[in-house]
Protein backbone atom coordinates (compact mmCIF):
# COMPACT_ATOMS: atom_id res chain seq x y z
CA MET A 1 11.15 -15.93 5.80
CA ALA A 2 11.03 -19.71 5.52
CA ILE A 3 7.65 -21.20 6.34
CA ASP A 4 7.93 -23.79 9.08
CA ASN A 5 4.75 -25.55 10.14
CA LYS A 6 3.67 -29.16 10.33
CA ALA A 7 1.17 -29.02 7.49
CA GLY A 8 3.51 -27.07 5.20
CA VAL A 9 0.67 -24.66 4.47
CA ILE A 10 1.33 -20.93 4.13
CA LYS A 11 -1.23 -18.95 6.16
CA ILE A 12 -2.09 -15.60 4.57
CA LEU A 13 -3.95 -12.63 6.05
CA LEU A 14 -5.73 -10.30 3.62
CA VAL A 15 -6.07 -6.62 4.56
CA GLU A 16 -8.25 -5.13 1.84
CA ASP A 17 -11.36 -2.94 2.08
CA HIS A 18 -13.06 -3.95 -1.19
CA PRO A 19 -15.18 -7.06 -0.40
CA VAL A 20 -15.46 -8.23 -4.02
CA PHE A 21 -11.73 -7.99 -4.68
CA ARG A 22 -11.01 -9.61 -1.32
CA LEU A 23 -13.27 -12.53 -2.21
CA GLY A 24 -11.62 -12.95 -5.60
CA LEU A 25 -8.17 -12.86 -4.04
CA ARG A 26 -9.17 -15.47 -1.46
CA GLU A 27 -10.51 -17.77 -4.18
CA LEU A 28 -7.34 -17.31 -6.24
CA ILE A 29 -5.07 -18.09 -3.30
CA GLU A 30 -7.02 -21.10 -2.06
CA GLN A 31 -6.82 -22.81 -5.44
CA GLU A 32 -3.26 -23.56 -4.39
CA PRO A 33 -3.01 -26.60 -2.06
CA ASP A 34 -0.22 -25.08 0.02
CA LEU A 35 -1.81 -21.64 0.47
CA LEU A 36 -4.56 -20.78 2.95
CA VAL A 37 -6.31 -17.49 3.76
CA CYS A 38 -6.46 -17.54 7.55
CA GLY A 39 -8.19 -14.19 8.01
CA GLU A 40 -9.50 -11.00 6.45
CA ALA A 41 -9.61 -7.37 7.54
CA LYS A 42 -10.81 -4.12 6.00
CA ASN A 43 -8.65 -1.65 7.92
CA VAL A 44 -5.42 -1.25 9.87
CA GLY A 45 -6.98 -1.87 13.28
CA GLU A 46 -8.69 -5.08 12.23
CA GLY A 47 -5.54 -6.16 10.43
CA TRP A 48 -3.42 -5.86 13.55
CA GLU A 49 -6.02 -7.77 15.61
CA GLN A 50 -6.08 -10.57 13.02
CA VAL A 51 -2.28 -10.77 13.00
CA SER A 52 -2.31 -11.36 16.76
CA ARG A 53 -5.16 -13.88 16.57
CA GLU A 54 -4.27 -15.87 13.45
CA GLN A 55 -0.45 -15.64 13.45
CA PRO A 56 -0.16 -15.65 9.63
CA ASP A 57 2.97 -16.41 7.61
CA LEU A 58 2.29 -13.51 5.23
CA VAL A 59 0.19 -10.35 5.30
CA ILE A 60 -1.10 -8.94 2.00
CA VAL A 61 -1.95 -5.27 2.43
CA ASP A 62 -3.69 -2.73 0.23
CA ILE A 63 -2.63 0.91 0.53
CA SER A 64 -6.06 2.52 0.33
CA LEU A 65 -8.01 1.12 3.28
CA ASP A 66 -11.05 2.10 5.31
CA GLY A 67 -9.54 4.90 7.39
CA ARG A 68 -5.77 4.78 7.78
CA ASN A 69 -3.22 4.13 5.05
CA GLY A 70 -2.14 0.49 4.69
CA LEU A 71 1.52 1.47 4.91
CA GLU A 72 0.90 2.29 8.56
CA LEU A 73 0.19 -1.40 9.17
CA VAL A 74 3.32 -2.35 7.24
CA LYS A 75 5.40 -0.05 9.46
CA GLN A 76 3.75 -1.47 12.58
CA LEU A 77 4.52 -5.02 11.47
CA LYS A 78 8.12 -4.13 10.68
CA LYS A 79 8.56 -2.64 14.14
CA GLN A 80 6.70 -5.24 16.20
CA ILE A 81 7.07 -8.46 14.17
CA PRO A 82 10.01 -7.93 11.78
CA GLN A 83 10.12 -11.61 10.82
CA LEU A 84 6.55 -11.46 9.40
CA PRO A 85 6.66 -10.46 5.71
CA ALA A 86 4.18 -8.02 4.21
CA LEU A 87 3.32 -7.81 0.52
CA VAL A 88 1.62 -4.66 -0.77
CA LEU A 89 -1.00 -5.34 -3.46
CA SER A 90 -2.42 -2.07 -4.75
CA MET A 91 -4.07 -0.24 -7.62
CA TYR A 92 -1.62 2.66 -7.24
CA GLU A 93 1.20 3.08 -9.74
CA GLU A 94 4.36 1.39 -8.48
CA SER A 95 6.45 4.37 -9.56
CA LEU A 96 4.66 6.38 -6.88
CA TYR A 97 4.34 3.88 -4.05
CA ALA A 98 6.68 0.88 -4.47
CA GLU A 99 9.75 2.53 -3.01
CA ARG A 100 7.68 4.00 -0.18
CA ALA A 101 6.30 0.53 0.58
CA LEU A 102 9.78 -0.99 0.79
CA GLN A 103 10.96 1.85 3.01
CA ALA A 104 7.98 1.14 5.30
CA GLY A 105 9.11 -2.48 5.59
CA ALA A 106 7.23 -4.38 2.87
CA ARG A 107 9.01 -7.29 1.15
CA GLY A 108 7.29 -6.66 -2.17
CA TYR A 109 4.96 -4.47 -4.21
CA ILE A 110 2.64 -5.67 -6.96
CA MET A 111 -0.25 -3.97 -8.74
CA LYS A 112 -3.77 -5.39 -8.77
CA HIS A 113 -3.98 -5.57 -12.56
CA GLU A 114 -1.19 -8.15 -12.78
CA THR A 115 -2.00 -11.72 -13.81
CA ALA A 116 -3.20 -14.32 -11.34
CA ASP A 117 -0.13 -16.46 -12.04
CA LEU A 118 2.22 -13.59 -11.26
CA ILE A 119 0.43 -12.75 -8.01
CA ILE A 120 0.75 -16.37 -6.83
CA ASP A 121 4.39 -16.46 -7.91
CA VAL A 122 5.15 -13.26 -5.98
CA ILE A 123 3.43 -14.63 -2.87
CA ARG A 124 5.71 -17.67 -2.99
CA LYS A 125 8.81 -15.54 -3.61
CA VAL A 126 8.12 -13.24 -0.66
CA CYS A 127 7.37 -16.19 1.64
CA ALA A 128 10.67 -17.75 0.55
CA GLY A 129 12.51 -14.66 1.80
CA GLU A 130 12.89 -12.81 -1.52
CA VAL A 131 12.03 -9.17 -2.20
CA TYR A 132 9.84 -8.48 -5.23
CA LEU A 133 9.53 -5.46 -7.49
CA SER A 134 8.76 -5.43 -11.19
CA ALA A 135 11.74 -5.31 -13.55
CA LYS A 136 10.79 -1.77 -14.55
CA MET A 137 10.64 -0.54 -10.96
CA THR A 138 13.90 -2.28 -10.07
CA SER A 139 15.57 -0.55 -13.03
CA GLU A 140 14.22 2.85 -11.96
CA ILE A 141 15.49 2.45 -8.40
CA LEU A 142 18.92 1.30 -9.60
CA ALA A 143 19.10 4.26 -12.00
CA LYS A 144 18.17 6.60 -9.17
CA MET A 145 20.89 5.12 -6.95
CA ALA A 146 23.42 5.44 -9.75
CA GLY A 147 22.49 9.07 -10.31
CA GLY A 148 20.79 8.40 -13.62
CA THR A 149 17.76 10.23 -14.89
CA HIS A 150 14.26 8.87 -15.36
CA SER A 151 10.80 10.34 -15.82
CA GLN A 152 9.15 11.31 -12.57
CA SER A 153 5.56 12.08 -11.68
CA PRO A 154 5.12 15.49 -10.02
CA HIS A 155 3.43 13.68 -7.12
CA GLN A 156 6.63 11.81 -6.30
CA CYS A 157 7.96 14.97 -4.67
CA LEU A 158 5.30 14.62 -1.96
CA THR A 159 6.13 12.86 1.29
CA SER A 160 4.02 9.81 2.20
CA ARG A 161 1.96 11.88 4.63
CA GLU A 162 1.45 14.67 2.09
CA LEU A 163 0.38 12.11 -0.48
CA GLU A 164 -2.08 10.64 2.03
CA VAL A 165 -3.59 14.08 2.69
CA PHE A 166 -3.67 14.75 -1.06
CA GLU A 167 -5.62 11.53 -1.63
CA MET A 168 -8.13 12.40 1.11
CA ILE A 169 -8.65 15.83 -0.46
CA GLY A 170 -9.34 14.02 -3.73
CA HIS A 171 -12.01 11.96 -1.99
CA GLY A 172 -13.72 15.18 -0.92
CA LEU A 173 -12.76 15.23 2.76
CA THR A 174 -12.56 18.58 4.54
CA THR A 175 -9.58 19.68 6.61
CA LYS A 176 -11.48 18.82 9.80
CA GLU A 177 -12.42 15.35 8.51
CA ILE A 178 -8.81 14.65 7.49
CA SER A 179 -7.53 15.79 10.88
CA THR A 180 -9.95 13.43 12.61
CA LYS A 181 -8.96 10.45 10.46
CA LEU A 182 -5.24 11.05 10.89
CA CYS A 183 -5.47 12.13 14.55
CA LEU A 184 -3.70 15.39 13.72
CA SER A 185 -4.67 19.01 14.39
CA THR A 186 -6.46 21.04 11.72
CA LYS A 187 -3.48 23.41 11.82
CA THR A 188 -1.13 20.56 10.89
CA ILE A 189 -3.41 19.50 8.03
CA GLY A 190 -3.50 23.10 6.86
CA THR A 191 0.30 23.11 6.79
CA TYR A 192 0.31 19.92 4.70
CA ARG A 193 -2.15 21.48 2.28
CA GLU A 194 0.09 24.52 1.84
CA ARG A 195 3.16 22.33 1.25
CA ILE A 196 1.29 20.29 -1.36
CA LYS A 197 0.17 23.42 -3.20
CA GLU A 198 3.73 24.72 -3.21
CA LYS A 199 5.28 21.45 -4.41
CA LEU A 200 2.69 20.95 -7.15
CA ASN A 201 2.76 24.64 -8.13
CA LEU A 202 -0.95 25.13 -7.46
CA ARG A 203 -2.22 28.66 -6.99
CA ASN A 204 -5.13 28.16 -4.59
CA THR A 205 -7.38 25.74 -2.72
CA SER A 206 -9.67 25.29 -5.71
CA ALA A 207 -6.76 24.22 -7.92
CA LEU A 208 -5.57 21.81 -5.21
CA SER A 209 -9.00 20.19 -4.91
CA HIS A 210 -9.34 19.89 -8.68
CA ARG A 211 -5.90 18.28 -9.08
CA ALA A 212 -6.54 15.90 -6.17
CA VAL A 213 -9.90 14.77 -7.56
CA GLN A 214 -8.34 14.20 -11.00
CA TRP A 215 -5.54 12.12 -9.48
CA VAL A 216 -7.90 9.96 -7.43
CA GLU A 217 -10.08 9.34 -10.49
CA GLN A 218 -7.01 8.27 -12.50
CA GLN A 219 -5.99 5.83 -9.80
CA GLU A 220 -9.50 4.35 -9.51
CA HIS A 221 -9.69 3.80 -13.28
CA ARG A 222 -6.69 1.49 -12.95
CA GLU A 223 -8.41 -0.73 -10.40
């Protein structure tokens, strides 16, 4: 997407639920004379409202938000405003989420631990109409398309919804709480739990909870 406005300034909306990280990201972006943070949001609902109000040139979205998964906003943007690029900036391993993000409609995926210079460079690339993935992730996707073999996390066998439920279990949410957050029946959440146990070869609910908590802790250590 080519930026076309009189001032030549790229307006960026931040959708991120960690206030300290959001502040740091804003300060990083606004050091650049042609970049401006036009709004901030901590969840999918606020993000969509800010998109309508501020009309940004780029939306930077985290995956783990207050409430719904950030990829839901990416899908909504792709459907309603396909010309508006979204860049996913997350703590989660790209091997697990990058391909999912692109399938949802994102134009790029970058992890939070990357350097400030790279983050700014990726913002410019995505705004210029390019798609960004790390060289490693690009190689993995190409190998997958070519039928090659590469190491795979057991969690990659989960669908995006199953992974979302798995993460919520890791945060200690009950089946009822998950069903409320996702606007799904408790029976449906129970079905997801059973599928996750089967795919991860877990014997019971206790083993599922333990594995989910371990996974969430590993992801948070990377932040």
